[in-house]
């Protein structure tokens, strides 16, 4: 599990066909294969998503706006078990700064699909 950084993150875990919601600063998937934390939240310059997986897996990490529009791909790769940190600087895929507001990280692995909310204040 990744150590908390005093932030509050909303996320939804959707393994299989179940849907559950919880609110906390960090979490681990129900099957124990994935842990993550988003900080700082809210942010003005950049937001980091720390991710820990205890097995090799394919990871796709994307940023979406509140309307569901894809903003930026941060990772689409096969990763070995371990800890990783991804940084989003508040820009879209073309390098343009996005509007302030609510955004979502979508984290997808071989067996987990989850989202984490972050707020951009710039």
PDB file of N, CA and C in Angstrom:
ATOM      1  N   UNK A   1       0.844  -1.170   0.000  1.00  0.00           N
ATOM      2  CA  UNK A   1       0.000   0.000   0.000  1.00  0.00           C
ATOM      3  C   UNK A   1       0.890   1.233   0.000  1.00  0.00           C
ATOM      4  N   UNK A   2       0.512   2.255  -0.721  1.00  0.00           N
ATOM      5  CA  UNK A   2       1.277   3.489  -0.807  1.00  0.00           C
ATOM      6  C   UNK A   2       0.936   4.361   0.391  1.00  0.00           C
ATOM      7  N   UNK A   3       1.918   4.969   0.982  1.00  0.00           N
ATOM      8  CA  UNK A   3       1.677   5.812   2.149  1.00  0.00           C
ATOM      9  C   UNK A   3       0.824   7.014   1.771  1.00  0.00           C
ATOM     10  N   UNK A   4      -0.075   7.391   2.646  1.00  0.00           N
ATOM     11  CA  UNK A   4      -0.962   8.522   2.397  1.00  0.00           C
ATOM     12  C   UNK A   4      -0.216   9.844   2.475  1.00  0.00           C
ATOM     13  N   UNK A   5      -0.727  10.835   1.799  1.00  0.00           N
ATOM     14  CA  UNK A   5      -0.113  12.155   1.785  1.00  0.00           C
ATOM     15  C   UNK A   5      -1.085  13.206   2.301  1.00  0.00           C
ATOM     16  N   UNK A   6      -2.086  12.794   3.091  1.00  0.00           N
ATOM     17  CA  UNK A   6      -3.021  13.748   3.654  1.00  0.00           C
ATOM     18  C   UNK A   6      -4.020  14.296   2.658  1.00  0.00           C
ATOM     19  N   UNK A   7      -4.192  13.650   1.536  1.00  0.00           N
ATOM     20  CA  UNK A   7      -5.146  14.110   0.541  1.00  0.00           C
ATOM     21  C   UNK A   7      -6.411  13.273   0.616  1.00  0.00           C
ATOM     22  N   UNK A   8      -7.450  13.730  -0.055  1.00  0.00           N
ATOM     23  CA  UNK A   8      -8.706  12.994  -0.123  1.00  0.00           C
ATOM     24  C   UNK A   8      -9.015  12.763  -1.592  1.00  0.00           C
ATOM     25  N   UNK A   9      -9.223  11.532  -1.962  1.00  0.00           N
ATOM     26  CA  UNK A   9      -9.450  11.161  -3.350  1.00  0.00           C
ATOM     27  C   UNK A   9     -10.713  10.320  -3.437  1.00  0.00           C
ATOM     28  N   UNK A  10     -11.587  10.640  -4.359  1.00  0.00           N
ATOM     29  CA  UNK A  10     -12.751   9.793  -4.631  1.00  0.00           C
ATOM     30  C   UNK A  10     -12.369   8.833  -5.728  1.00  0.00           C
ATOM     31  N   UNK A  11     -12.726   7.564  -5.578  1.00  0.00           N
ATOM     32  CA  UNK A  11     -12.429   6.602  -6.619  1.00  0.00           C
ATOM     33  C   UNK A  11     -13.482   5.516  -6.626  1.00  0.00           C
ATOM     34  N   UNK A  12     -13.573   4.858  -7.743  1.00  0.00           N
ATOM     35  CA  UNK A  12     -14.518   3.776  -7.923  1.00  0.00           C
ATOM     36  C   UNK A  12     -13.749   2.560  -8.379  1.00  0.00           C
ATOM     37  N   UNK A  13     -13.941   1.437  -7.716  1.00  0.00           N
ATOM     38  CA  UNK A  13     -13.309   0.190  -8.134  1.00  0.00           C
ATOM     39  C   UNK A  13     -14.341  -0.640  -8.859  1.00  0.00           C
ATOM     40  N   UNK A  14     -14.008  -1.160 -10.020  1.00  0.00           N
ATOM     41  CA  UNK A  14     -14.960  -1.926 -10.803  1.00  0.00           C
ATOM     42  C   UNK A  14     -14.371  -3.247 -11.255  1.00  0.00           C
ATOM     43  N   UNK A  15     -13.962  -4.127 -10.331  1.00  0.00           N
ATOM     44  CA  UNK A  15     -13.519  -5.442 -10.777  1.00  0.00           C
ATOM     45  C   UNK A  15     -14.721  -6.271 -11.181  1.00  0.00           C
ATOM     46  N   UNK A  16     -14.557  -7.080 -12.197  1.00  0.00           N
ATOM     47  CA  UNK A  16     -15.648  -7.913 -12.712  1.00  0.00           C
ATOM     48  C   UNK A  16     -16.845  -7.042 -13.036  1.00  0.00           C
ATOM     49  N   UNK A  17     -18.041  -7.443 -12.586  1.00  0.00           N
ATOM     50  CA  UNK A  17     -19.242  -6.669 -12.868  1.00  0.00           C
ATOM     51  C   UNK A  17     -19.788  -5.989 -11.625  1.00  0.00           C
ATOM     52  N   UNK A  18     -18.969  -5.853 -10.579  1.00  0.00           N
ATOM     53  CA  UNK A  18     -19.443  -5.201  -9.359  1.00  0.00           C
ATOM     54  C   UNK A  18     -19.067  -3.739  -9.383  1.00  0.00           C
ATOM     55  N   UNK A  19     -19.765  -2.945  -8.623  1.00  0.00           N
ATOM     56  CA  UNK A  19     -19.498  -1.512  -8.561  1.00  0.00           C
ATOM     57  C   UNK A  19     -19.517  -1.097  -7.109  1.00  0.00           C
ATOM     58  N   UNK A  20     -18.442  -0.511  -6.645  1.00  0.00           N
ATOM     59  CA  UNK A  20     -18.421   0.005  -5.285  1.00  0.00           C
ATOM     60  C   UNK A  20     -17.740   1.351  -5.283  1.00  0.00           C
ATOM     61  N   UNK A  21     -18.068   2.159  -4.295  1.00  0.00           N
ATOM     62  CA  UNK A  21     -17.480   3.483  -4.211  1.00  0.00           C
ATOM     63  C   UNK A  21     -16.956   3.688  -2.798  1.00  0.00           C
ATOM     64  N   UNK A  22     -15.804   4.301  -2.712  1.00  0.00           N
ATOM     65  CA  UNK A  22     -15.281   4.663  -1.409  1.00  0.00           C
ATOM     66  C   UNK A  22     -14.505   5.963  -1.543  1.00  0.00           C
ATOM     67  N   UNK A  23     -14.230   6.598  -0.419  1.00  0.00           N
ATOM     68  CA  UNK A  23     -13.532   7.866  -0.414  1.00  0.00           C
ATOM     69  C   UNK A  23     -12.401   7.797   0.594  1.00  0.00           C
ATOM     70  N   UNK A  24     -11.175   8.008   0.128  1.00  0.00           N
ATOM     71  CA  UNK A  24     -10.030   8.026   1.038  1.00  0.00           C
ATOM     72  C   UNK A  24      -8.827   8.586   0.313  1.00  0.00           C
ATOM     73  N   UNK A  25      -7.697   8.675   1.000  1.00  0.00           N
ATOM     74  CA  UNK A  25      -6.489   9.233   0.412  1.00  0.00           C
ATOM     75  C   UNK A  25      -5.705   8.254  -0.422  1.00  0.00           C
ATOM     76  N   UNK A  26      -5.864   6.983  -0.166  1.00  0.00           N
ATOM     77  CA  UNK A  26      -5.179   5.978  -0.964  1.00  0.00           C
ATOM     78  C   UNK A  26      -5.990   4.696  -0.876  1.00  0.00           C
ATOM     79  N   UNK A  27      -5.709   3.750  -1.745  1.00  0.00           N
ATOM     80  CA  UNK A  27      -6.478   2.520  -1.704  1.00  0.00           C
ATOM     81  C   UNK A  27      -5.717   1.394  -2.360  1.00  0.00           C
ATOM     82  N   UNK A  28      -6.248   0.229  -2.154  1.00  0.00           N
ATOM     83  CA  UNK A  28      -5.736  -0.982  -2.775  1.00  0.00           C
ATOM     84  C   UNK A  28      -6.926  -1.707  -3.379  1.00  0.00           C
ATOM     85  N   UNK A  29      -6.742  -2.311  -4.539  1.00  0.00           N
ATOM     86  CA  UNK A  29      -7.836  -3.031  -5.183  1.00  0.00           C
ATOM     87  C   UNK A  29      -8.268  -4.203  -4.319  1.00  0.00           C
ATOM     88  N   UNK A  30      -9.469  -4.663  -4.548  1.00  0.00           N
ATOM     89  CA  UNK A  30     -10.021  -5.767  -3.754  1.00  0.00           C
ATOM     90  C   UNK A  30      -9.165  -7.020  -3.805  1.00  0.00           C
ATOM     91  N   UNK A  31      -8.532  -7.253  -4.944  1.00  0.00           N
ATOM     92  CA  UNK A  31      -7.709  -8.459  -5.045  1.00  0.00           C
ATOM     93  C   UNK A  31      -6.272  -8.220  -4.576  1.00  0.00           C
ATOM     94  N   UNK A  32      -5.979  -7.002  -4.105  1.00  0.00           N
ATOM     95  CA  UNK A  32      -4.667  -6.707  -3.539  1.00  0.00           C
ATOM     96  C   UNK A  32      -3.553  -6.498  -4.538  1.00  0.00           C
ATOM     97  N   UNK A  33      -3.860  -6.372  -5.823  1.00  0.00           N
ATOM     98  CA  UNK A  33      -2.805  -6.265  -6.825  1.00  0.00           C
ATOM     99  C   UNK A  33      -2.407  -4.832  -7.147  1.00  0.00           C
ATOM    100  N   UNK A  34      -3.205  -3.839  -6.734  1.00  0.00           N
ATOM    101  CA  UNK A  34      -2.960  -2.458  -7.143  1.00  0.00           C
ATOM    102  C   UNK A  34      -3.247  -1.506  -6.000  1.00  0.00           C
ATOM    103  N   UNK A  35      -2.327  -0.599  -5.740  1.00  0.00           N
ATOM    104  CA  UNK A  35      -2.536   0.477  -4.785  1.00  0.00           C
ATOM    105  C   UNK A  35      -2.197   1.787  -5.460  1.00  0.00           C
ATOM    106  N   UNK A  36      -2.848   2.893  -5.060  1.00  0.00           N
ATOM    107  CA  UNK A  36      -2.549   4.177  -5.674  1.00  0.00           C
ATOM    108  C   UNK A  36      -2.875   5.328  -4.738  1.00  0.00           C
ATOM    109  N   UNK A  37      -2.313   6.495  -5.056  1.00  0.00           N
ATOM    110  CA  UNK A  37      -2.557   7.710  -4.304  1.00  0.00           C
ATOM    111  C   UNK A  37      -2.372   8.889  -5.250  1.00  0.00           C
ATOM    112  N   UNK A  38      -3.227   9.916  -5.107  1.00  0.00           N
ATOM    113  CA  UNK A  38      -3.143  11.128  -5.918  1.00  0.00           C
ATOM    114  C   UNK A  38      -2.804  12.289  -4.987  1.00  0.00           C
ATOM    115  N   UNK A  39      -1.788  13.081  -5.340  1.00  0.00           N
ATOM    116  CA  UNK A  39      -1.405  14.223  -4.515  1.00  0.00           C
ATOM    117  C   UNK A  39      -0.646  15.235  -5.359  1.00  0.00           C
ATOM    118  N   UNK A  40      -0.606  16.513  -5.038  1.00  0.00           N
ATOM    119  CA  UNK A  40      -1.567  17.115  -4.119  1.00  0.00           C
ATOM    120  C   UNK A  40      -2.941  17.169  -4.769  1.00  0.00           C
ATOM    121  N   UNK A  41      -3.922  17.331  -3.983  1.00  0.00           N
ATOM    122  CA  UNK A  41      -5.288  17.383  -4.492  1.00  0.00           C
ATOM    123  C   UNK A  41      -6.109  18.255  -3.557  1.00  0.00           C
ATOM    124  N   UNK A  42      -6.528  19.431  -4.045  1.00  0.00           N
ATOM    125  CA  UNK A  42      -6.401  19.993  -5.396  1.00  0.00           C
ATOM    126  C   UNK A  42      -4.960  20.430  -5.700  1.00  0.00           C
ATOM    127  N   UNK A  43      -4.719  20.744  -7.003  1.00  0.00           N
ATOM    128  CA  UNK A  43      -3.377  21.148  -7.416  1.00  0.00           C
ATOM    129  C   UNK A  43      -3.428  22.362  -8.328  1.00  0.00           C
ATOM    130  N   UNK A  44      -2.286  23.087  -8.419  1.00  0.00           N
ATOM    131  CA  UNK A  44      -2.192  24.262  -9.287  1.00  0.00           C
ATOM    132  C   UNK A  44      -1.142  24.100 -10.380  1.00  0.00           C
ATOM    133  N   UNK A  45      -0.071  23.350 -10.126  1.00  0.00           N
ATOM    134  CA  UNK A  45       0.996  23.192 -11.118  1.00  0.00           C
ATOM    135  C   UNK A  45       1.068  21.792 -11.682  1.00  0.00           C
ATOM    136  N   UNK A  46       1.065  20.801 -10.816  1.00  0.00           N
ATOM    137  CA  UNK A  46       1.078  19.423 -11.285  1.00  0.00           C
ATOM    138  C   UNK A  46       0.509  18.511 -10.208  1.00  0.00           C
ATOM    139  N   UNK A  47       0.014  17.381 -10.644  1.00  0.00           N
ATOM    140  CA  UNK A  47      -0.562  16.362  -9.776  1.00  0.00           C
ATOM    141  C   UNK A  47       0.193  15.072 -10.040  1.00  0.00           C
ATOM    142  N   UNK A  48       0.448  14.329  -8.979  1.00  0.00           N
ATOM    143  CA  UNK A  48       1.144  13.055  -9.134  1.00  0.00           C
ATOM    144  C   UNK A  48       0.239  11.906  -8.738  1.00  0.00           C
ATOM    145  N   UNK A  49       0.305  10.845  -9.507  1.00  0.00           N
ATOM    146  CA  UNK A  49      -0.382   9.622  -9.165  1.00  0.00           C
ATOM    147  C   UNK A  49       0.688   8.575  -8.913  1.00  0.00           C
ATOM    148  N   UNK A  50       0.767   8.125  -7.660  1.00  0.00           N
ATOM    149  CA  UNK A  50       1.692   7.048  -7.309  1.00  0.00           C
ATOM    150  C   UNK A  50       0.928   5.748  -7.393  1.00  0.00           C
ATOM    151  N   UNK A  51       1.528   4.779  -8.028  1.00  0.00           N
ATOM    152  CA  UNK A  51       0.878   3.503  -8.283  1.00  0.00           C
ATOM    153  C   UNK A  51       1.810   2.389  -7.859  1.00  0.00           C
ATOM    154  N   UNK A  52       1.249   1.399  -7.193  1.00  0.00           N
ATOM    155  CA  UNK A  52       2.038   0.245  -6.792  1.00  0.00           C
ATOM    156  C   UNK A  52       1.293  -1.008  -7.205  1.00  0.00           C
ATOM    157  N   UNK A  53       1.993  -1.904  -7.881  1.00  0.00           N
ATOM    158  CA  UNK A  53       1.406  -3.172  -8.273  1.00  0.00           C
ATOM    159  C   UNK A  53       2.311  -4.299  -7.789  1.00  0.00           C
ATOM    160  N   UNK A  54       1.687  -5.370  -7.316  1.00  0.00           N
ATOM    161  CA  UNK A  54       2.497  -6.470  -6.791  1.00  0.00           C
ATOM    162  C   UNK A  54       2.682  -7.605  -7.797  1.00  0.00           C
ATOM    163  N   UNK A  55       2.274  -7.356  -9.045  1.00  0.00           N
ATOM    164  CA  UNK A  55       2.539  -8.330 -10.099  1.00  0.00           C
ATOM    165  C   UNK A  55       2.705  -7.595 -11.419  1.00  0.00           C
ATOM    166  N   UNK A  56       3.373  -8.226 -12.364  1.00  0.00           N
ATOM    167  CA  UNK A  56       3.531  -7.645 -13.689  1.00  0.00           C
ATOM    168  C   UNK A  56       2.153  -7.483 -14.320  1.00  0.00           C
ATOM    169  N   UNK A  57       1.909  -6.337 -14.950  1.00  0.00           N
ATOM    170  CA  UNK A  57       0.603  -6.079 -15.546  1.00  0.00           C
ATOM    171  C   UNK A  57       0.718  -4.984 -16.598  1.00  0.00           C
ATOM    172  N   UNK A  58      -0.216  -4.960 -17.494  1.00  0.00           N
ATOM    173  CA  UNK A  58      -0.336  -3.857 -18.449  1.00  0.00           C
ATOM    174  C   UNK A  58      -1.082  -2.738 -17.734  1.00  0.00           C
ATOM    175  N   UNK A  59      -0.591  -1.495 -17.857  1.00  0.00           N
ATOM    176  CA  UNK A  59      -1.212  -0.342 -17.209  1.00  0.00           C
ATOM    177  C   UNK A  59      -1.535   0.702 -18.257  1.00  0.00           C
ATOM    178  N   UNK A  60      -2.769   1.164 -18.229  1.00  0.00           N
ATOM    179  CA  UNK A  60      -3.182   2.301 -19.055  1.00  0.00           C
ATOM    180  C   UNK A  60      -3.675   3.371 -18.100  1.00  0.00           C
ATOM    181  N   UNK A  61      -3.070   4.542 -18.147  1.00  0.00           N
ATOM    182  CA  UNK A  61      -3.419   5.662 -17.287  1.00  0.00           C
ATOM    183  C   UNK A  61      -3.749   6.852 -18.161  1.00  0.00           C
ATOM    184  N   UNK A  62      -4.986   7.349 -18.025  1.00  0.00           N
ATOM    185  CA  UNK A  62      -5.451   8.470 -18.841  1.00  0.00           C
ATOM    186  C   UNK A  62      -6.095   9.517 -17.948  1.00  0.00           C
ATOM    187  N   UNK A  63      -6.150  10.754 -18.444  1.00  0.00           N
ATOM    188  CA  UNK A  63      -6.845  11.842 -17.767  1.00  0.00           C
ATOM    189  C   UNK A  63      -8.074  12.197 -18.594  1.00  0.00           C
ATOM    190  N   UNK A  64      -9.211  12.338 -17.909  1.00  0.00           N
ATOM    191  CA  UNK A  64     -10.473  12.726 -18.537  1.00  0.00           C
ATOM    192  C   UNK A  64     -11.026  13.966 -17.857  1.00  0.00           C
ATOM    193  N   UNK A  65     -11.775  14.788 -18.606  1.00  0.00           N
ATOM    194  CA  UNK A  65     -12.458  15.909 -17.968  1.00  0.00           C
ATOM    195  C   UNK A  65     -13.804  15.431 -17.420  1.00  0.00           C
ATOM    196  N   UNK A  66     -14.528  16.330 -16.765  1.00  0.00           N
ATOM    197  CA  UNK A  66     -15.785  15.958 -16.108  1.00  0.00           C
ATOM    198  C   UNK A  66     -16.858  15.512 -17.094  1.00  0.00           C
ATOM    199  N   UNK A  67     -16.728  15.884 -18.368  1.00  0.00           N
ATOM    200  CA  UNK A  67     -17.711  15.458 -19.369  1.00  0.00           C
ATOM    201  C   UNK A  67     -17.355  14.098 -19.972  1.00  0.00           C
ATOM    202  N   UNK A  68     -16.217  13.528 -19.569  1.00  0.00           N
ATOM    203  CA  UNK A  68     -15.805  12.217 -20.071  1.00  0.00           C
ATOM    204  C   UNK A  68     -14.891  12.262 -21.275  1.00  0.00           C
ATOM    205  N   UNK A  69     -14.471  13.460 -21.673  1.00  0.00           N
ATOM    206  CA  UNK A  69     -13.590  13.613 -22.828  1.00  0.00           C
ATOM    207  C   UNK A  69     -12.150  13.279 -22.428  1.00  0.00           C
ATOM    208  N   UNK A  70     -11.486  12.440 -23.209  1.00  0.00           N
ATOM    209  CA  UNK A  70     -10.089  12.099 -22.943  1.00  0.00           C
ATOM    210  C   UNK A  70      -9.215  13.335 -23.129  1.00  0.00           C
ATOM    211  N   UNK A  71      -8.381  13.627 -22.147  1.00  0.00           N
ATOM    212  CA  UNK A  71      -7.513  14.802 -22.172  1.00  0.00           C
ATOM    213  C   UNK A  71      -6.076  14.429 -22.503  1.00  0.00           C
ATOM    214  N   UNK A  72      -5.553  13.389 -21.829  1.00  0.00           N
ATOM    215  CA  UNK A  72      -4.148  13.036 -22.031  1.00  0.00           C
ATOM    216  C   UNK A  72      -3.888  11.601 -21.605  1.00  0.00           C
ATOM    217  N   UNK A  73      -3.051  10.909 -22.386  1.00  0.00           N
ATOM    218  CA  UNK A  73      -2.545   9.583 -22.007  1.00  0.00           C
ATOM    219  C   UNK A  73      -1.259   9.790 -21.215  1.00  0.00           C
ATOM    220  N   UNK A  74      -1.178   9.179 -20.044  1.00  0.00           N
ATOM    221  CA  UNK A  74       0.035   9.274 -19.235  1.00  0.00           C
ATOM    222  C   UNK A  74       0.861   7.994 -19.273  1.00  0.00           C
ATOM    223  N   UNK A  75       0.207   6.858 -19.521  1.00  0.00           N
ATOM    224  CA  UNK A  75       0.927   5.591 -19.582  1.00  0.00           C
ATOM    225  C   UNK A  75       0.087   4.572 -20.340  1.00  0.00           C
ATOM    226  N   UNK A  76       0.721   3.817 -21.183  1.00  0.00           N
ATOM    227  CA  UNK A  76       0.107   2.668 -21.843  1.00  0.00           C
ATOM    228  C   UNK A  76       1.244   1.685 -22.104  1.00  0.00           C
ATOM    229  N   UNK A  77       1.548   0.884 -21.063  1.00  0.00           N
ATOM    230  CA  UNK A  77       2.726   0.029 -21.138  1.00  0.00           C
ATOM    231  C   UNK A  77       2.587  -1.172 -20.215  1.00  0.00           C
ATOM    232  N   UNK A  78       3.365  -2.179 -20.472  1.00  0.00           N
ATOM    233  CA  UNK A  78       3.479  -3.314 -19.564  1.00  0.00           C
ATOM    234  C   UNK A  78       4.507  -2.950 -18.505  1.00  0.00           C
ATOM    235  N   UNK A  79       4.107  -3.038 -17.239  1.00  0.00           N
ATOM    236  CA  UNK A  79       4.980  -2.675 -16.137  1.00  0.00           C
ATOM    237  C   UNK A  79       5.273  -3.888 -15.272  1.00  0.00           C
ATOM    238  N   UNK A  80       6.485  -3.957 -14.785  1.00  0.00           N
ATOM    239  CA  UNK A  80       6.850  -4.990 -13.830  1.00  0.00           C
ATOM    240  C   UNK A  80       6.273  -4.640 -12.467  1.00  0.00           C
ATOM    241  N   UNK A  81       6.129  -5.618 -11.597  1.00  0.00           N
ATOM    242  CA  UNK A  81       5.690  -5.357 -10.231  1.00  0.00           C
ATOM    243  C   UNK A  81       6.604  -4.297  -9.630  1.00  0.00           C
ATOM    244  N   UNK A  82       6.007  -3.343  -8.914  1.00  0.00           N
ATOM    245  CA  UNK A  82       6.818  -2.289  -8.307  1.00  0.00           C
ATOM    246  C   UNK A  82       6.026  -1.022  -8.120  1.00  0.00           C
ATOM    247  N   UNK A  83       6.719   0.060  -7.788  1.00  0.00           N
ATOM    248  CA  UNK A  83       6.112   1.371  -7.545  1.00  0.00           C
ATOM    249  C   UNK A  83       6.484   2.328  -8.669  1.00  0.00           C
ATOM    250  N   UNK A  84       5.520   3.131  -9.074  1.00  0.00           N
ATOM    251  CA  UNK A  84       5.701   4.075 -10.164  1.00  0.00           C
ATOM    252  C   UNK A  84       5.010   5.385  -9.797  1.00  0.00           C
ATOM    253  N   UNK A  85       5.538   6.500 -10.301  1.00  0.00           N
ATOM    254  CA  UNK A  85       4.913   7.802 -10.110  1.00  0.00           C
ATOM    255  C   UNK A  85       4.737   8.452 -11.471  1.00  0.00           C
ATOM    256  N   UNK A  86       3.521   8.927 -11.724  1.00  0.00           N
ATOM    257  CA  UNK A  86       3.190   9.606 -12.975  1.00  0.00           C
ATOM    258  C   UNK A  86       2.778  11.030 -12.640  1.00  0.00           C
ATOM    259  N   UNK A  87       3.215  11.991 -13.436  1.00  0.00           N
ATOM    260  CA  UNK A  87       2.911  13.396 -13.184  1.00  0.00           C
ATOM    261  C   UNK A  87       2.063  13.948 -14.325  1.00  0.00           C
ATOM    262  N   UNK A  88       0.989  14.647 -13.952  1.00  0.00           N
ATOM    263  CA  UNK A  88       0.187  15.373 -14.935  1.00  0.00           C
ATOM    264  C   UNK A  88       0.339  16.854 -14.642  1.00  0.00           C
ATOM    265  N   UNK A  89       0.736  17.607 -15.650  1.00  0.00           N
ATOM    266  CA  UNK A  89       1.025  19.031 -15.489  1.00  0.00           C
ATOM    267  C   UNK A  89      -0.142  19.941 -15.854  1.00  0.00           C
ATOM    268  N   UNK A  90      -1.344  19.395 -15.963  1.00  0.00           N
ATOM    269  CA  UNK A  90      -2.507  20.222 -16.278  1.00  0.00           C
ATOM    270  C   UNK A  90      -2.605  20.614 -17.737  1.00  0.00           C
ATOM    271  N   UNK A  91      -1.952  19.832 -18.607  1.00  0.00           N
ATOM    272  CA  UNK A  91      -2.034  20.118 -20.039  1.00  0.00           C
ATOM    273  C   UNK A  91      -2.700  18.953 -20.767  1.00  0.00           C
ATOM    274  N   UNK A  92      -3.206  19.249 -21.960  1.00  0.00           N
ATOM    275  CA  UNK A  92      -3.805  18.194 -22.781  1.00  0.00           C
ATOM    276  C   UNK A  92      -2.722  17.538 -23.634  1.00  0.00           C
ATOM    277  N   UNK A  93      -3.120  16.622 -24.489  1.00  0.00           N
ATOM    278  CA  UNK A  93      -2.173  15.901 -25.338  1.00  0.00           C
ATOM    279  C   UNK A  93      -1.384  16.799 -26.282  1.00  0.00           C
ATOM    280  N   UNK A  94      -1.907  17.995 -26.564  1.00  0.00           N
ATOM    281  CA  UNK A  94      -1.211  18.941 -27.434  1.00  0.00           C
ATOM    282  C   UNK A  94      -0.347  19.938 -26.683  1.00  0.00           C
ATOM    283  N   UNK A  95      -0.260  19.784 -25.355  1.00  0.00           N
ATOM    284  CA  UNK A  95       0.569  20.680 -24.557  1.00  0.00           C
ATOM    285  C   UNK A  95      -0.114  21.950 -24.099  1.00  0.00           C
ATOM    286  N   UNK A  96      -1.417  22.098 -24.380  1.00  0.00           N
ATOM    287  CA  UNK A  96      -2.158  23.289 -23.974  1.00  0.00           C
ATOM    288  C   UNK A  96      -2.688  23.129 -22.548  1.00  0.00           C
ATOM    289  N   UNK A  97      -2.587  24.179 -21.751  1.00  0.00           N
ATOM    290  CA  UNK A  97      -3.111  24.141 -20.383  1.00  0.00           C
ATOM    291  C   UNK A  97      -4.624  24.023 -20.424  1.00  0.00           C
ATOM    292  N   UNK A  98      -5.169  23.098 -19.630  1.00  0.00           N
ATOM    293  CA  UNK A  98      -6.616  22.888 -19.590  1.00  0.00           C
ATOM    294  C   UNK A  98      -7.260  23.895 -18.644  1.00  0.00           C
ATOM    295  N   UNK A  99      -8.576  24.009 -18.716  1.00  0.00           N
ATOM    296  CA  UNK A  99      -9.325  24.908 -17.837  1.00  0.00           C
ATOM    297  C   UNK A  99      -9.339  24.360 -16.417  1.00  0.00           C
ATOM    298  N   UNK A 100      -9.473  25.251 -15.441  1.00  0.00           N
ATOM    299  CA  UNK A 100      -9.584  24.764 -14.070  1.00  0.00           C
ATOM    300  C   UNK A 100     -10.874  23.965 -13.943  1.00  0.00           C
ATOM    301  N   UNK A 101     -10.845  22.981 -13.043  1.00  0.00           N
ATOM    302  CA  UNK A 101     -12.029  22.160 -12.856  1.00  0.00           C
ATOM    303  C   UNK A 101     -11.688  20.769 -12.356  1.00  0.00           C
ATOM    304  N   UNK A 102     -12.681  19.887 -12.426  1.00  0.00           N
ATOM    305  CA  UNK A 102     -12.550  18.508 -11.960  1.00  0.00           C
ATOM    306  C   UNK A 102     -12.099  17.624 -13.117  1.00  0.00           C
ATOM    307  N   UNK A 103     -11.110  16.775 -12.836  1.00  0.00           N
ATOM    308  CA  UNK A 103     -10.591  15.825 -13.812  1.00  0.00           C
ATOM    309  C   UNK A 103     -10.490  14.455 -13.153  1.00  0.00           C
ATOM    310  N   UNK A 104     -10.430  13.432 -13.974  1.00  0.00           N
ATOM    311  CA  UNK A 104     -10.375  12.062 -13.469  1.00  0.00           C
ATOM    312  C   UNK A 104      -9.209  11.313 -14.089  1.00  0.00           C
ATOM    313  N   UNK A 105      -8.453  10.618 -13.250  1.00  0.00           N
ATOM    314  CA  UNK A 105      -7.482   9.651 -13.716  1.00  0.00           C
ATOM    315  C   UNK A 105      -8.234   8.337 -13.913  1.00  0.00           C
ATOM    316  N   UNK A 106      -8.055   7.709 -15.048  1.00  0.00           N
ATOM    317  CA  UNK A 106      -8.598   6.367 -15.276  1.00  0.00           C
ATOM    318  C   UNK A 106      -7.413   5.419 -15.270  1.00  0.00           C
ATOM    319  N   UNK A 107      -7.442   4.460 -14.351  1.00  0.00           N
ATOM    320  CA  UNK A 107      -6.367   3.493 -14.195  1.00  0.00           C
ATOM    321  C   UNK A 107      -6.915   2.130 -14.584  1.00  0.00           C
ATOM    322  N   UNK A 108      -6.322   1.537 -15.607  1.00  0.00           N
ATOM    323  CA  UNK A 108      -6.779   0.235 -16.082  1.00  0.00           C
ATOM    324  C   UNK A 108      -5.591  -0.713 -16.137  1.00  0.00           C
ATOM    325  N   UNK A 109      -5.761  -1.885 -15.499  1.00  0.00           N
ATOM    326  CA  UNK A 109      -4.740  -2.922 -15.547  1.00  0.00           C
ATOM    327  C   UNK A 109      -5.382  -4.179 -16.131  1.00  0.00           C
ATOM    328  N   UNK A 110      -4.641  -5.275 -16.097  1.00  0.00           N
ATOM    329  CA  UNK A 110      -5.181  -6.530 -16.617  1.00  0.00           C
ATOM    330  C   UNK A 110      -6.458  -6.955 -15.912  1.00  0.00           C
ATOM    331  N   UNK A 111      -6.605  -6.604 -14.616  1.00  0.00           N
ATOM    332  CA  UNK A 111      -7.784  -7.071 -13.886  1.00  0.00           C
ATOM    333  C   UNK A 111      -8.461  -6.014 -13.025  1.00  0.00           C
ATOM    334  N   UNK A 112      -8.059  -4.741 -13.138  1.00  0.00           N
ATOM    335  CA  UNK A 112      -8.665  -3.673 -12.339  1.00  0.00           C
ATOM    336  C   UNK A 112      -8.960  -2.479 -13.233  1.00  0.00           C
ATOM    337  N   UNK A 113     -10.115  -1.865 -13.007  1.00  0.00           N
ATOM    338  CA  UNK A 113     -10.478  -0.597 -13.642  1.00  0.00           C
ATOM    339  C   UNK A 113     -10.948   0.323 -12.540  1.00  0.00           C
ATOM    340  N   UNK A 114     -10.301   1.466 -12.394  1.00  0.00           N
ATOM    341  CA  UNK A 114     -10.662   2.395 -11.332  1.00  0.00           C
ATOM    342  C   UNK A 114     -10.438   3.825 -11.805  1.00  0.00           C
ATOM    343  N   UNK A 115     -11.074   4.778 -11.154  1.00  0.00           N
ATOM    344  CA  UNK A 115     -10.858   6.187 -11.443  1.00  0.00           C
ATOM    345  C   UNK A 115     -10.554   6.926 -10.146  1.00  0.00           C
ATOM    346  N   UNK A 116      -9.817   8.023 -10.267  1.00  0.00           N
ATOM    347  CA  UNK A 116      -9.500   8.878  -9.133  1.00  0.00           C
ATOM    348  C   UNK A 116      -9.740  10.318  -9.549  1.00  0.00           C
ATOM    349  N   UNK A 117     -10.438  11.061  -8.712  1.00  0.00           N
ATOM    350  CA  UNK A 117     -10.775  12.454  -9.014  1.00  0.00           C
ATOM    351  C   UNK A 117      -9.660  13.381  -8.543  1.00  0.00           C
ATOM    352  N   UNK A 118      -9.373  14.404  -9.346  1.00  0.00           N
ATOM    353  CA  UNK A 118      -8.446  15.450  -8.942  1.00  0.00           C
ATOM    354  C   UNK A 118      -9.023  16.793  -9.382  1.00  0.00           C
ATOM    355  N   UNK A 119      -8.622  17.849  -8.706  1.00  0.00           N
ATOM    356  CA  UNK A 119      -9.146  19.189  -9.005  1.00  0.00           C
ATOM    357  C   UNK A 119      -7.990  20.093  -9.382  1.00  0.00           C
ATOM    358  N   UNK A 120      -8.103  20.696 -10.574  1.00  0.00           N
ATOM    359  CA  UNK A 120      -7.088  21.625 -11.089  1.00  0.00           C
ATOM    360  C   UNK A 120      -7.571  23.039 -10.808  1.00  0.00           C
ATOM    361  N   UNK A 121      -6.774  23.829 -10.049  1.00  0.00           N
ATOM    362  CA  UNK A 121      -7.179  25.164  -9.619  1.00  0.00           C
ATOM    363  C   UNK A 121      -6.557  26.307 -10.392  1.00  0.00           C
ATOM    364  N   UNK A 122      -5.732  26.038 -11.376  1.00  0.00           N
ATOM    365  CA  UNK A 122      -5.012  27.112 -12.069  1.00  0.00           C
ATOM    366  C   UNK A 122      -5.949  28.057 -12.770  1.00  0.00           C
TER     367      UNK A 122
END
